[in-house]
Every structure is written in structure tokens, then in C-alpha cells.
Amino acid sequence: MSKSSITLDIDSEVKKALEKRANKEMMTLRELISDILRRSVLSSKLKVSEKKTDDAFINIFSKSRRGRKNKVKKIN
């Protein structure tokens, strides 16, 4: 696989947050950004391959699990 170069302009606050996360995960900033982009591409490929239907009711009432489920708070 060949490598390409991309230049990004980001805010200093975003860079600081990414550097902090990279240090926490014991990676360089370049490695972290590459990993984030790679996982994003893989995730988008999975979403495209999901079965799509034209009928809106099937999409609404389908039993297939999509996305995160909200946590339900118990009231005592």
C-alpha cells in the first residue's frame, strides 16, 4: 500500500486534545490521526453494506439493531 500526504488546518485546541489522546494511547499524533481516519473509513463501509429498503415503515419497525440504544433510567 502506498502512502500519501495530506495537510490539515485545525484549531490549536483540537490539536492539544489530539496530542493528549495520542499520549494517553502511547501513539504519535500522526499515528493517532491515521488510526482515526482508518476506523472511520471501515465504519462507513459497514454502514453502506447494511440492507436498505424503500418502505419507511419497514425501516421504522424493523427488529434489526442500529446504532446505540439509549439507557433507560429506573425510577424507584
PDB file of N, CA and C in Angstrom:
ATOM      1  N   MET A   1       0.855  -1.173   0.000  1.00  0.00           N
ATOM      2  CA  MET A   1       0.000   0.000   0.000  1.00  0.00           C
ATOM      3  C   MET A   1       0.899   1.234   0.000  1.00  0.00           C
ATOM      4  N   SER A   2       0.624   2.136  -0.916  1.00  0.00           N
ATOM      5  CA  SER A   2       1.413   3.357  -0.969  1.00  0.00           C
ATOM      6  C   SER A   2       0.850   4.392  -0.010  1.00  0.00           C
ATOM      7  N   LYS A   3       1.702   5.253   0.443  1.00  0.00           N
ATOM      8  CA  LYS A   3       1.284   6.285   1.385  1.00  0.00           C
ATOM      9  C   LYS A   3       1.178   7.612   0.672  1.00  0.00           C
ATOM     10  N   SER A   4       0.226   8.422   1.101  1.00  0.00           N
ATOM     11  CA  SER A   4       0.042   9.756   0.556  1.00  0.00           C
ATOM     12  C   SER A   4       0.134  10.762   1.681  1.00  0.00           C
ATOM     13  N   SER A   5       0.336  11.992   1.310  1.00  0.00           N
ATOM     14  CA  SER A   5       0.450  13.062   2.292  1.00  0.00           C
ATOM     15  C   SER A   5      -0.763  13.978   2.189  1.00  0.00           C
ATOM     16  N   ILE A   6      -1.316  14.343   3.340  1.00  0.00           N
ATOM     17  CA  ILE A   6      -2.452  15.258   3.414  1.00  0.00           C
ATOM     18  C   ILE A   6      -2.122  16.326   4.446  1.00  0.00           C
ATOM     19  N   THR A   7      -2.456  17.571   4.137  1.00  0.00           N
ATOM     20  CA  THR A   7      -2.243  18.665   5.070  1.00  0.00           C
ATOM     21  C   THR A   7      -3.584  19.115   5.615  1.00  0.00           C
ATOM     22  N   LEU A   8      -3.680  19.238   6.934  1.00  0.00           N
ATOM     23  CA  LEU A   8      -4.905  19.664   7.602  1.00  0.00           C
ATOM     24  C   LEU A   8      -4.653  20.944   8.382  1.00  0.00           C
ATOM     25  N   ASP A   9      -5.632  21.814   8.388  1.00  0.00           N
ATOM     26  CA  ASP A   9      -5.594  23.003   9.239  1.00  0.00           C
ATOM     27  C   ASP A   9      -6.606  22.791  10.356  1.00  0.00           C
ATOM     28  N   ILE A  10      -6.117  22.711  11.597  1.00  0.00           N
ATOM     29  CA  ILE A  10      -7.012  22.504  12.741  1.00  0.00           C
ATOM     30  C   ILE A  10      -6.718  23.553  13.805  1.00  0.00           C
ATOM     31  N   ASP A  11      -7.701  23.782  14.651  1.00  0.00           N
ATOM     32  CA  ASP A  11      -7.540  24.736  15.743  1.00  0.00           C
ATOM     33  C   ASP A  11      -6.509  24.211  16.745  1.00  0.00           C
ATOM     34  N   SER A  12      -5.886  25.126  17.451  1.00  0.00           N
ATOM     35  CA  SER A  12      -4.880  24.733  18.437  1.00  0.00           C
ATOM     36  C   SER A  12      -5.510  23.924  19.569  1.00  0.00           C
ATOM     37  N   GLU A  13      -6.762  24.221  19.900  1.00  0.00           N
ATOM     38  CA  GLU A  13      -7.458  23.463  20.957  1.00  0.00           C
ATOM     39  C   GLU A  13      -7.669  22.012  20.539  1.00  0.00           C
ATOM     40  N   VAL A  14      -8.029  21.812  19.279  1.00  0.00           N
ATOM     41  CA  VAL A  14      -8.237  20.457  18.757  1.00  0.00           C
ATOM     42  C   VAL A  14      -6.909  19.714  18.737  1.00  0.00           C
ATOM     43  N   LYS A  15      -5.851  20.400  18.341  1.00  0.00           N
ATOM     44  CA  LYS A  15      -4.532  19.767  18.309  1.00  0.00           C
ATOM     45  C   LYS A  15      -4.101  19.347  19.701  1.00  0.00           C
ATOM     46  N   LYS A  16      -4.329  20.207  20.687  1.00  0.00           N
ATOM     47  CA  LYS A  16      -3.970  19.866  22.071  1.00  0.00           C
ATOM     48  C   LYS A  16      -4.731  18.637  22.541  1.00  0.00           C
ATOM     49  N   ALA A  17      -6.027  18.573  22.217  1.00  0.00           N
ATOM     50  CA  ALA A  17      -6.848  17.427  22.619  1.00  0.00           C
ATOM     51  C   ALA A  17      -6.359  16.145  21.937  1.00  0.00           C
ATOM     52  N   LEU A  18      -6.010  16.253  20.647  1.00  0.00           N
ATOM     53  CA  LEU A  18      -5.492  15.086  19.929  1.00  0.00           C
ATOM     54  C   LEU A  18      -4.139  14.643  20.478  1.00  0.00           C
ATOM     55  N   GLU A  19      -3.280  15.600  20.809  1.00  0.00           N
ATOM     56  CA  GLU A  19      -1.977  15.265  21.386  1.00  0.00           C
ATOM     57  C   GLU A  19      -2.145  14.571  22.733  1.00  0.00           C
ATOM     58  N   LYS A  20      -3.085  15.056  23.534  1.00  0.00           N
ATOM     59  CA  LYS A  20      -3.339  14.445  24.840  1.00  0.00           C
ATOM     60  C   LYS A  20      -3.821  13.003  24.658  1.00  0.00           C
ATOM     61  N   ARG A  21      -4.734  12.802  23.705  1.00  0.00           N
ATOM     62  CA  ARG A  21      -5.254  11.456  23.435  1.00  0.00           C
ATOM     63  C   ARG A  21      -4.155  10.557  22.891  1.00  0.00           C
ATOM     64  N   ALA A  22      -3.294  11.092  22.015  1.00  0.00           N
ATOM     65  CA  ALA A  22      -2.193  10.311  21.456  1.00  0.00           C
ATOM     66  C   ALA A  22      -1.232   9.865  22.555  1.00  0.00           C
ATOM     67  N   ASN A  23      -0.914  10.773  23.473  1.00  0.00           N
ATOM     68  CA  ASN A  23      -0.035  10.411  24.590  1.00  0.00           C
ATOM     69  C   ASN A  23      -0.668   9.347  25.461  1.00  0.00           C
ATOM     70  N   LYS A  24      -1.969   9.478  25.698  1.00  0.00           N
ATOM     71  CA  LYS A  24      -2.681   8.507  26.528  1.00  0.00           C
ATOM     72  C   LYS A  24      -2.649   7.119  25.893  1.00  0.00           C
ATOM     73  N   GLU A  25      -2.756   7.069  24.556  1.00  0.00           N
ATOM     74  CA  GLU A  25      -2.770   5.793  23.844  1.00  0.00           C
ATOM     75  C   GLU A  25      -1.379   5.367  23.377  1.00  0.00           C
ATOM     76  N   MET A  26      -0.343   6.090  23.827  1.00  0.00           N
ATOM     77  CA  MET A  26       1.052   5.813  23.505  1.00  0.00           C
ATOM     78  C   MET A  26       1.274   5.756  21.991  1.00  0.00           C
ATOM     79  N   MET A  27       0.792   6.775  21.303  1.00  0.00           N
ATOM     80  CA  MET A  27       0.956   6.901  19.857  1.00  0.00           C
ATOM     81  C   MET A  27       1.479   8.293  19.544  1.00  0.00           C
ATOM     82  N   THR A  28       1.998   8.434  18.346  1.00  0.00           N
ATOM     83  CA  THR A  28       2.335   9.772  17.887  1.00  0.00           C
ATOM     84  C   THR A  28       1.050  10.412  17.366  1.00  0.00           C
ATOM     85  N   LEU A  29       1.078  11.713  17.198  1.00  0.00           N
ATOM     86  CA  LEU A  29      -0.087  12.427  16.682  1.00  0.00           C
ATOM     87  C   LEU A  29      -0.431  11.922  15.284  1.00  0.00           C
ATOM     88  N   ARG A  30       0.566  11.708  14.463  1.00  0.00           N
ATOM     89  CA  ARG A  30       0.364  11.203  13.100  1.00  0.00           C
ATOM     90  C   ARG A  30      -0.297   9.813  13.132  1.00  0.00           C
ATOM     91  N   GLU A  31       0.184   8.934  14.007  1.00  0.00           N
ATOM     92  CA  GLU A  31      -0.390   7.589  14.113  1.00  0.00           C
ATOM     93  C   GLU A  31      -1.845   7.641  14.573  1.00  0.00           C
ATOM     94  N   LEU A  32      -2.134   8.502  15.526  1.00  0.00           N
ATOM     95  CA  LEU A  32      -3.495   8.627  16.041  1.00  0.00           C
ATOM     96  C   LEU A  32      -4.450   9.104  14.955  1.00  0.00           C
ATOM     97  N   ILE A  33      -4.070  10.142  14.234  1.00  0.00           N
ATOM     98  CA  ILE A  33      -4.934  10.670  13.180  1.00  0.00           C
ATOM     99  C   ILE A  33      -5.140   9.629  12.086  1.00  0.00           C
ATOM    100  N   SER A  34      -4.093   8.917  11.714  1.00  0.00           N
ATOM    101  CA  SER A  34      -4.224   7.855  10.709  1.00  0.00           C
ATOM    102  C   SER A  34      -5.167   6.763  11.188  1.00  0.00           C
ATOM    103  N   ASP A  35      -5.063   6.402  12.461  1.00  0.00           N
ATOM    104  CA  ASP A  35      -5.924   5.372  13.028  1.00  0.00           C
ATOM    105  C   ASP A  35      -7.390   5.817  13.049  1.00  0.00           C
ATOM    106  N   ILE A  36      -7.630   7.062  13.434  1.00  0.00           N
ATOM    107  CA  ILE A  36      -8.993   7.602  13.464  1.00  0.00           C
ATOM    108  C   ILE A  36      -9.598   7.586  12.058  1.00  0.00           C
ATOM    109  N   LEU A  37      -8.835   8.035  11.078  1.00  0.00           N
ATOM    110  CA  LEU A  37      -9.328   8.051   9.699  1.00  0.00           C
ATOM    111  C   LEU A  37      -9.567   6.645   9.166  1.00  0.00           C
ATOM    112  N   ARG A  38      -8.654   5.723   9.467  1.00  0.00           N
ATOM    113  CA  ARG A  38      -8.805   4.336   9.010  1.00  0.00           C
ATOM    114  C   ARG A  38     -10.069   3.719   9.576  1.00  0.00           C
ATOM    115  N   ARG A  39     -10.297   3.895  10.898  1.00  0.00           N
ATOM    116  CA  ARG A  39     -11.505   3.330  11.521  1.00  0.00           C
ATOM    117  C   ARG A  39     -12.771   3.974  10.978  1.00  0.00           C
ATOM    118  N   SER A  40     -12.710   5.254  10.665  1.00  0.00           N
ATOM    119  CA  SER A  40     -13.860   5.943  10.097  1.00  0.00           C
ATOM    120  C   SER A  40     -14.220   5.373   8.729  1.00  0.00           C
ATOM    121  N   VAL A  41     -13.215   5.123   7.909  1.00  0.00           N
ATOM    122  CA  VAL A  41     -13.456   4.555   6.578  1.00  0.00           C
ATOM    123  C   VAL A  41     -14.040   3.158   6.701  1.00  0.00           C
ATOM    124  N   LEU A  42     -13.492   2.340   7.592  1.00  0.00           N
ATOM    125  CA  LEU A  42     -14.013   0.990   7.784  1.00  0.00           C
ATOM    126  C   LEU A  42     -15.452   1.027   8.280  1.00  0.00           C
ATOM    127  N   SER A  43     -15.746   1.931   9.185  1.00  0.00           N
ATOM    128  CA  SER A  43     -17.096   2.064   9.729  1.00  0.00           C
ATOM    129  C   SER A  43     -18.077   2.490   8.642  1.00  0.00           C
ATOM    130  N   SER A  44     -17.674   3.410   7.780  1.00  0.00           N
ATOM    131  CA  SER A  44     -18.576   3.863   6.716  1.00  0.00           C
ATOM    132  C   SER A  44     -18.822   2.756   5.702  1.00  0.00           C
ATOM    133  N   LYS A  45     -17.852   1.890   5.461  1.00  0.00           N
ATOM    134  CA  LYS A  45     -18.049   0.759   4.557  1.00  0.00           C
ATOM    135  C   LYS A  45     -19.084  -0.197   5.129  1.00  0.00           C
ATOM    136  N   LEU A  46     -19.069  -0.418   6.437  1.00  0.00           N
ATOM    137  CA  LEU A  46     -20.037  -1.309   7.060  1.00  0.00           C
ATOM    138  C   LEU A  46     -21.439  -0.736   6.974  1.00  0.00           C
ATOM    139  N   LYS A  47     -21.577   0.565   7.143  1.00  0.00           N
ATOM    140  CA  LYS A  47     -22.889   1.195   7.102  1.00  0.00           C
ATOM    141  C   LYS A  47     -23.495   1.123   5.702  1.00  0.00           C
ATOM    142  N   VAL A  48     -22.672   1.247   4.677  1.00  0.00           N
ATOM    143  CA  VAL A  48     -23.164   1.193   3.299  1.00  0.00           C
ATOM    144  C   VAL A  48     -23.686  -0.195   2.979  1.00  0.00           C
ATOM    145  N   SER A  49     -23.065  -1.216   3.547  1.00  0.00           N
ATOM    146  CA  SER A  49     -23.463  -2.576   3.224  1.00  0.00           C
ATOM    147  C   SER A  49     -24.726  -3.033   3.960  1.00  0.00           C
ATOM    148  N   GLU A  50     -25.229  -2.234   4.905  1.00  0.00           N
ATOM    149  CA  GLU A  50     -26.462  -2.598   5.596  1.00  0.00           C
ATOM    150  C   GLU A  50     -27.607  -2.648   4.609  1.00  0.00           C
ATOM    151  N   LYS A  51     -28.546  -3.531   4.887  1.00  0.00           N
ATOM    152  CA  LYS A  51     -29.683  -3.695   3.999  1.00  0.00           C
ATOM    153  C   LYS A  51     -30.582  -2.465   4.066  1.00  0.00           C
ATOM    154  N   LYS A  52     -30.879  -1.906   2.912  1.00  0.00           N
ATOM    155  CA  LYS A  52     -31.745  -0.733   2.826  1.00  0.00           C
ATOM    156  C   LYS A  52     -33.060  -1.147   2.160  1.00  0.00           C
ATOM    157  N   THR A  53     -34.148  -0.559   2.621  1.00  0.00           N
ATOM    158  CA  THR A  53     -35.442  -0.822   2.000  1.00  0.00           C
ATOM    159  C   THR A  53     -36.086   0.501   1.626  1.00  0.00           C
ATOM    160  N   ASP A  54     -37.002   0.437   0.675  1.00  0.00           N
ATOM    161  CA  ASP A  54     -37.698   1.639   0.229  1.00  0.00           C
ATOM    162  C   ASP A  54     -38.882   1.967   1.123  1.00  0.00           C
ATOM    163  N   ASP A  55     -39.375   0.980   1.850  1.00  0.00           N
ATOM    164  CA  ASP A  55     -40.563   1.178   2.672  1.00  0.00           C
ATOM    165  C   ASP A  55     -40.165   1.781   4.022  1.00  0.00           C
ATOM    166  N   ALA A  56     -40.656   2.982   4.301  1.00  0.00           N
ATOM    167  CA  ALA A  56     -40.294   3.675   5.541  1.00  0.00           C
ATOM    168  C   ALA A  56     -40.775   2.920   6.775  1.00  0.00           C
ATOM    169  N   PHE A  57     -41.930   2.283   6.703  1.00  0.00           N
ATOM    170  CA  PHE A  57     -42.457   1.545   7.860  1.00  0.00           C
ATOM    171  C   PHE A  57     -41.576   0.350   8.213  1.00  0.00           C
ATOM    172  N   ILE A  58     -41.034  -0.306   7.212  1.00  0.00           N
ATOM    173  CA  ILE A  58     -40.129  -1.426   7.492  1.00  0.00           C
ATOM    174  C   ILE A  58     -38.885  -0.910   8.197  1.00  0.00           C
ATOM    175  N   ASN A  59     -38.368   0.214   7.763  1.00  0.00           N
ATOM    176  CA  ASN A  59     -37.184   0.787   8.413  1.00  0.00           C
ATOM    177  C   ASN A  59     -37.484   1.177   9.860  1.00  0.00           C
ATOM    178  N   ILE A  60     -38.661   1.708  10.119  1.00  0.00           N
ATOM    179  CA  ILE A  60     -39.015   2.157  11.467  1.00  0.00           C
ATOM    180  C   ILE A  60     -39.237   0.985  12.406  1.00  0.00           C
ATOM    181  N   PHE A  61     -39.974  -0.023  11.948  1.00  0.00           N
ATOM    182  CA  PHE A  61     -40.379  -1.115  12.828  1.00  0.00           C
ATOM    183  C   PHE A  61     -39.527  -2.368  12.695  1.00  0.00           C
ATOM    184  N   SER A  62     -38.441  -2.271  11.987  1.00  0.00           N
ATOM    185  CA  SER A  62     -37.555  -3.415  11.808  1.00  0.00           C
ATOM    186  C   SER A  62     -36.945  -3.818  13.144  1.00  0.00           C
ATOM    187  N   LYS A  63     -36.715  -5.112  13.310  1.00  0.00           N
ATOM    188  CA  LYS A  63     -36.100  -5.610  14.540  1.00  0.00           C
ATOM    189  C   LYS A  63     -34.573  -5.558  14.480  1.00  0.00           C
ATOM    190  N   SER A  64     -34.024  -5.148  13.347  1.00  0.00           N
ATOM    191  CA  SER A  64     -32.565  -5.075  13.245  1.00  0.00           C
ATOM    192  C   SER A  64     -32.054  -3.982  14.175  1.00  0.00           C
ATOM    193  N   ARG A  65     -30.913  -4.231  14.751  1.00  0.00           N
ATOM    194  CA  ARG A  65     -30.332  -3.291  15.707  1.00  0.00           C
ATOM    195  C   ARG A  65     -29.471  -2.301  14.966  1.00  0.00           C
ATOM    196  N   ARG A  66     -29.752  -1.032  15.138  1.00  0.00           N
ATOM    197  CA  ARG A  66     -28.979   0.023  14.504  1.00  0.00           C
ATOM    198  C   ARG A  66     -28.580   1.048  15.542  1.00  0.00           C
ATOM    199  N   GLY A  67     -27.305   1.364  15.590  1.00  0.00           N
ATOM    200  CA  GLY A  67     -26.841   2.426  16.479  1.00  0.00           C
ATOM    201  C   GLY A  67     -26.905   2.042  17.939  1.00  0.00           C
ATOM    202  N   ARG A  68     -26.586   3.005  18.769  1.00  0.00           N
ATOM    203  CA  ARG A  68     -26.605   2.796  20.216  1.00  0.00           C
ATOM    204  C   ARG A  68     -28.019   2.911  20.741  1.00  0.00           C
ATOM    205  N   LYS A  69     -28.310   2.111  21.713  1.00  0.00           N
ATOM    206  CA  LYS A  69     -29.595   2.198  22.393  1.00  0.00           C
ATOM    207  C   LYS A  69     -29.438   3.137  23.582  1.00  0.00           C
ATOM    208  N   ASN A  70     -30.439   3.971  23.802  1.00  0.00           N
ATOM    209  CA  ASN A  70     -30.409   4.888  24.944  1.00  0.00           C
ATOM    210  C   ASN A  70     -30.616   4.099  26.224  1.00  0.00           C
ATOM    211  N   LYS A  71     -29.908   4.525  27.264  1.00  0.00           N
ATOM    212  CA  LYS A  71     -30.083   3.881  28.552  1.00  0.00           C
ATOM    213  C   LYS A  71     -31.376   4.372  29.194  1.00  0.00           C
ATOM    214  N   VAL A  72     -32.098   3.451  29.760  1.00  0.00           N
ATOM    215  CA  VAL A  72     -33.351   3.806  30.424  1.00  0.00           C
ATOM    216  C   VAL A  72     -33.075   3.926  31.919  1.00  0.00           C
ATOM    217  N   LYS A  73     -33.482   5.050  32.473  1.00  0.00           N
ATOM    218  CA  LYS A  73     -33.271   5.280  33.907  1.00  0.00           C
ATOM    219  C   LYS A  73     -34.439   4.678  34.672  1.00  0.00           C
ATOM    220  N   LYS A  74     -34.127   3.923  35.713  1.00  0.00           N
ATOM    221  CA  LYS A  74     -35.175   3.338  36.556  1.00  0.00           C
ATOM    222  C   LYS A  74     -35.580   4.353  37.606  1.00  0.00           C
ATOM    223  N   ILE A  75     -36.864   4.473  37.785  1.00  0.00           N
ATOM    224  CA  ILE A  75     -37.402   5.374  38.819  1.00  0.00           C
ATOM    225  C   ILE A  75     -37.900   4.508  39.959  1.00  0.00           C
ATOM    226  N   ASN A  76     -37.358   4.734  41.148  1.00  0.00           N
ATOM    227  CA  ASN A  76     -37.756   3.935  42.313  1.00  0.00           C
ATOM    228  C   ASN A  76     -38.953   4.507  42.993  1.00  0.00           C
TER     229      ASN A  76
END
